[in-house]
Amino acid sequence: MSGDGMFDRLHDRLGEEHTDSPLTLSDLLDFPDDERAVVRHIMRAKHPERAHEVAAGLGLSTEEFARIVGSLSIRGVVITVDDCLRIAPMQSNARVNPGGVWGKLGDL
């Protein structure tokens, strides 16, 4: 059994440059106004809403809302879970305490 195929695939995979970075919340600021309004409505809803409820809440026609949600879902911003629209998990920057001496500086 030859391992050349596996190593070739690994080499090819490692040689690829991945330029697509995960979406962050700050990226939402660059969205067009209509897309930002839909995302903001979904994020601020007290409970998950169905598509027609979000469209009605924003006063959008079915066609216009379908275009906006389609664009957002293709980019991985919005997902549908149990027939309700939700924001897809996004990258977040976590603050990590470096520990050691640097962690003790906060105690002063």
C-alpha atoms as a PDB file:
ATOM      1  CA  MET A   1       0.000   0.000   0.000  1.00  0.00           C
ATOM      2  CA  SER A   2       1.482   3.316  -1.060  1.00  0.00           C
ATOM      3  CA  GLY A   3       1.237   6.420   1.096  1.00  0.00           C
ATOM      4  CA  ASP A   4       2.134   8.763  -1.747  1.00  0.00           C
ATOM      5  CA  GLY A   5      -1.487   9.747  -2.341  1.00  0.00           C
ATOM      6  CA  MET A   6      -2.087  10.725   1.267  1.00  0.00           C
ATOM      7  CA  PHE A   7       1.103  12.786   1.515  1.00  0.00           C
ATOM      8  CA  ASP A   8       0.450  14.455  -1.806  1.00  0.00           C
ATOM      9  CA  ARG A   9      -3.003  15.490  -0.626  1.00  0.00           C
ATOM     10  CA  LEU A  10      -1.580  16.801   2.655  1.00  0.00           C
ATOM     11  CA  HIS A  11       1.100  18.743   0.817  1.00  0.00           C
ATOM     12  CA  ASP A  12      -1.475  20.230  -1.539  1.00  0.00           C
ATOM     13  CA  ARG A  13      -3.738  21.169   1.369  1.00  0.00           C
ATOM     14  CA  LEU A  14      -0.900  22.786   3.336  1.00  0.00           C
ATOM     15  CA  GLY A  15       0.228  24.690   0.261  1.00  0.00           C
ATOM     16  CA  GLU A  16      -3.171  26.358  -0.173  1.00  0.00           C
ATOM     17  CA  GLU A  17      -3.541  29.905   1.029  1.00  0.00           C
ATOM     18  CA  HIS A  18      -6.760  30.497   2.933  1.00  0.00           C
ATOM     19  CA  THR A  19      -7.632  34.156   2.523  1.00  0.00           C
ATOM     20  CA  ASP A  20     -11.247  33.912   3.686  1.00  0.00           C
ATOM     21  CA  SER A  21     -11.416  34.968   7.288  1.00  0.00           C
ATOM     22  CA  PRO A  22     -14.454  34.210   9.429  1.00  0.00           C
ATOM     23  CA  LEU A  23     -17.027  36.951   9.746  1.00  0.00           C
ATOM     24  CA  THR A  24     -16.846  39.120  12.866  1.00  0.00           C
ATOM     25  CA  LEU A  25     -19.441  41.419  14.417  1.00  0.00           C
ATOM     26  CA  SER A  26     -17.461  44.458  13.300  1.00  0.00           C
ATOM     27  CA  ASP A  27     -17.910  43.283   9.689  1.00  0.00           C
ATOM     28  CA  LEU A  28     -21.645  43.921  10.082  1.00  0.00           C
ATOM     29  CA  LEU A  29     -20.924  47.656  10.022  1.00  0.00           C
ATOM     30  CA  ASP A  30     -19.920  47.359   6.366  1.00  0.00           C
ATOM     31  CA  PHE A  31     -23.214  45.746   5.325  1.00  0.00           C
ATOM     32  CA  PRO A  32     -25.750  47.714   3.271  1.00  0.00           C
ATOM     33  CA  ASP A  33     -28.486  49.366   5.349  1.00  0.00           C
ATOM     34  CA  ASP A  34     -31.184  46.828   4.459  1.00  0.00           C
ATOM     35  CA  GLU A  35     -29.005  43.835   5.371  1.00  0.00           C
ATOM     36  CA  ARG A  36     -27.833  45.492   8.576  1.00  0.00           C
ATOM     37  CA  ALA A  37     -31.470  46.166   9.546  1.00  0.00           C
ATOM     38  CA  VAL A  38     -32.387  42.488   9.098  1.00  0.00           C
ATOM     39  CA  VAL A  39     -29.379  41.296  11.103  1.00  0.00           C
ATOM     40  CA  ARG A  40     -30.066  43.818  13.857  1.00  0.00           C
ATOM     41  CA  HIS A  41     -33.726  42.764  14.038  1.00  0.00           C
ATOM     42  CA  ILE A  42     -32.799  39.076  14.325  1.00  0.00           C
ATOM     43  CA  MET A  43     -30.164  39.794  16.973  1.00  0.00           C
ATOM     44  CA  ARG A  44     -32.485  41.960  19.090  1.00  0.00           C
ATOM     45  CA  ALA A  45     -35.537  39.687  18.954  1.00  0.00           C
ATOM     46  CA  LYS A  46     -36.591  38.391  22.365  1.00  0.00           C
ATOM     47  CA  HIS A  47     -37.257  34.947  20.849  1.00  0.00           C
ATOM     48  CA  PRO A  48     -36.364  33.368  17.484  1.00  0.00           C
ATOM     49  CA  GLU A  49     -38.745  34.529  14.754  1.00  0.00           C
ATOM     50  CA  ARG A  50     -39.837  32.957  11.491  1.00  0.00           C
ATOM     51  CA  ALA A  51     -38.954  34.674   8.223  1.00  0.00           C
ATOM     52  CA  HIS A  52     -42.429  36.145   7.673  1.00  0.00           C
ATOM     53  CA  GLU A  53     -42.400  37.612  11.196  1.00  0.00           C
ATOM     54  CA  VAL A  54     -39.075  39.350  10.598  1.00  0.00           C
ATOM     55  CA  ALA A  55     -40.259  40.666   7.216  1.00  0.00           C
ATOM     56  CA  ALA A  56     -43.470  41.996   8.751  1.00  0.00           C
ATOM     57  CA  GLY A  57     -41.564  43.578  11.635  1.00  0.00           C
ATOM     58  CA  LEU A  58     -39.360  45.457   9.182  1.00  0.00           C
ATOM     59  CA  GLY A  59     -42.157  46.286   6.739  1.00  0.00           C
ATOM     60  CA  LEU A  60     -40.427  44.540   3.823  1.00  0.00           C
ATOM     61  CA  SER A  61     -42.102  42.793   0.918  1.00  0.00           C
ATOM     62  CA  THR A  62     -41.650  39.045   0.575  1.00  0.00           C
ATOM     63  CA  GLU A  63     -39.478  39.424  -2.533  1.00  0.00           C
ATOM     64  CA  GLU A  64     -37.226  42.075  -1.003  1.00  0.00           C
ATOM     65  CA  PHE A  65     -36.857  40.118   2.229  1.00  0.00           C
ATOM     66  CA  ALA A  66     -36.048  36.894   0.333  1.00  0.00           C
ATOM     67  CA  ARG A  67     -33.316  38.718  -1.606  1.00  0.00           C
ATOM     68  CA  ILE A  68     -31.756  40.124   1.580  1.00  0.00           C
ATOM     69  CA  VAL A  69     -31.909  36.862   3.538  1.00  0.00           C
ATOM     70  CA  GLY A  70     -30.596  34.936   0.535  1.00  0.00           C
ATOM     71  CA  SER A  71     -27.581  37.217   0.327  1.00  0.00           C
ATOM     72  CA  LEU A  72     -26.964  36.940   4.071  1.00  0.00           C
ATOM     73  CA  SER A  73     -27.323  33.159   4.103  1.00  0.00           C
ATOM     74  CA  ILE A  74     -24.941  32.677   1.164  1.00  0.00           C
ATOM     75  CA  ARG A  75     -22.281  34.610   3.102  1.00  0.00           C
ATOM     76  CA  GLY A  76     -22.956  32.536   6.224  1.00  0.00           C
ATOM     77  CA  VAL A  77     -24.435  35.319   8.357  1.00  0.00           C
ATOM     78  CA  VAL A  78     -27.965  33.960   8.790  1.00  0.00           C
ATOM     79  CA  ILE A  79     -29.054  30.356   9.252  1.00  0.00           C
ATOM     80  CA  THR A  80     -32.437  28.708   9.650  1.00  0.00           C
ATOM     81  CA  VAL A  81     -32.954  26.520  12.713  1.00  0.00           C
ATOM     82  CA  ASP A  82     -36.387  24.955  13.338  1.00  0.00           C
ATOM     83  CA  ASP A  83     -37.933  27.301  10.708  1.00  0.00           C
ATOM     84  CA  CYS A  84     -36.624  30.343  12.600  1.00  0.00           C
ATOM     85  CA  LEU A  85     -33.937  32.765  11.484  1.00  0.00           C
ATOM     86  CA  ARG A  86     -30.819  32.974  13.626  1.00  0.00           C
ATOM     87  CA  ILE A  87     -27.437  34.601  13.356  1.00  0.00           C
ATOM     88  CA  ALA A  88     -24.764  32.053  12.459  1.00  0.00           C
ATOM     89  CA  PRO A  89     -21.933  31.650  14.940  1.00  0.00           C
ATOM     90  CA  MET A  90     -19.190  34.171  14.222  1.00  0.00           C
ATOM     91  CA  GLN A  91     -15.574  34.544  15.159  1.00  0.00           C
ATOM     92  CA  SER A  92     -15.005  36.364  18.421  1.00  0.00           C
ATOM     93  CA  ASN A  93     -11.807  37.631  19.906  1.00  0.00           C
ATOM     94  CA  ALA A  94     -11.301  36.338  23.405  1.00  0.00           C
ATOM     95  CA  ARG A  95      -9.200  38.102  25.978  1.00  0.00           C
ATOM     96  CA  VAL A  96      -6.840  35.716  27.615  1.00  0.00           C
ATOM     97  CA  ASN A  97      -5.084  36.520  30.857  1.00  0.00           C
ATOM     98  CA  PRO A  98      -1.386  35.906  30.262  1.00  0.00           C
ATOM     99  CA  GLY A  99      -0.913  34.721  33.848  1.00  0.00           C
ATOM    100  CA  GLY A 100       2.306  34.770  35.820  1.00  0.00           C
ATOM    101  CA  VAL A 101       3.698  38.171  36.772  1.00  0.00           C
ATOM    102  CA  TRP A 102       1.500  39.917  34.198  1.00  0.00           C
ATOM    103  CA  GLY A 103      -1.633  38.459  35.760  1.00  0.00           C
ATOM    104  CA  LYS A 104      -0.624  39.784  39.175  1.00  0.00           C
ATOM    105  CA  LEU A 105      -0.385  43.388  37.912  1.00  0.00           C
ATOM    106  CA  GLY A 106      -4.180  43.608  37.926  1.00  0.00           C
ATOM    107  CA  ASP A 107      -4.173  42.928  41.687  1.00  0.00           C
ATOM    108  CA  LEU A 108      -2.152  46.076  42.498  1.00  0.00           C
END
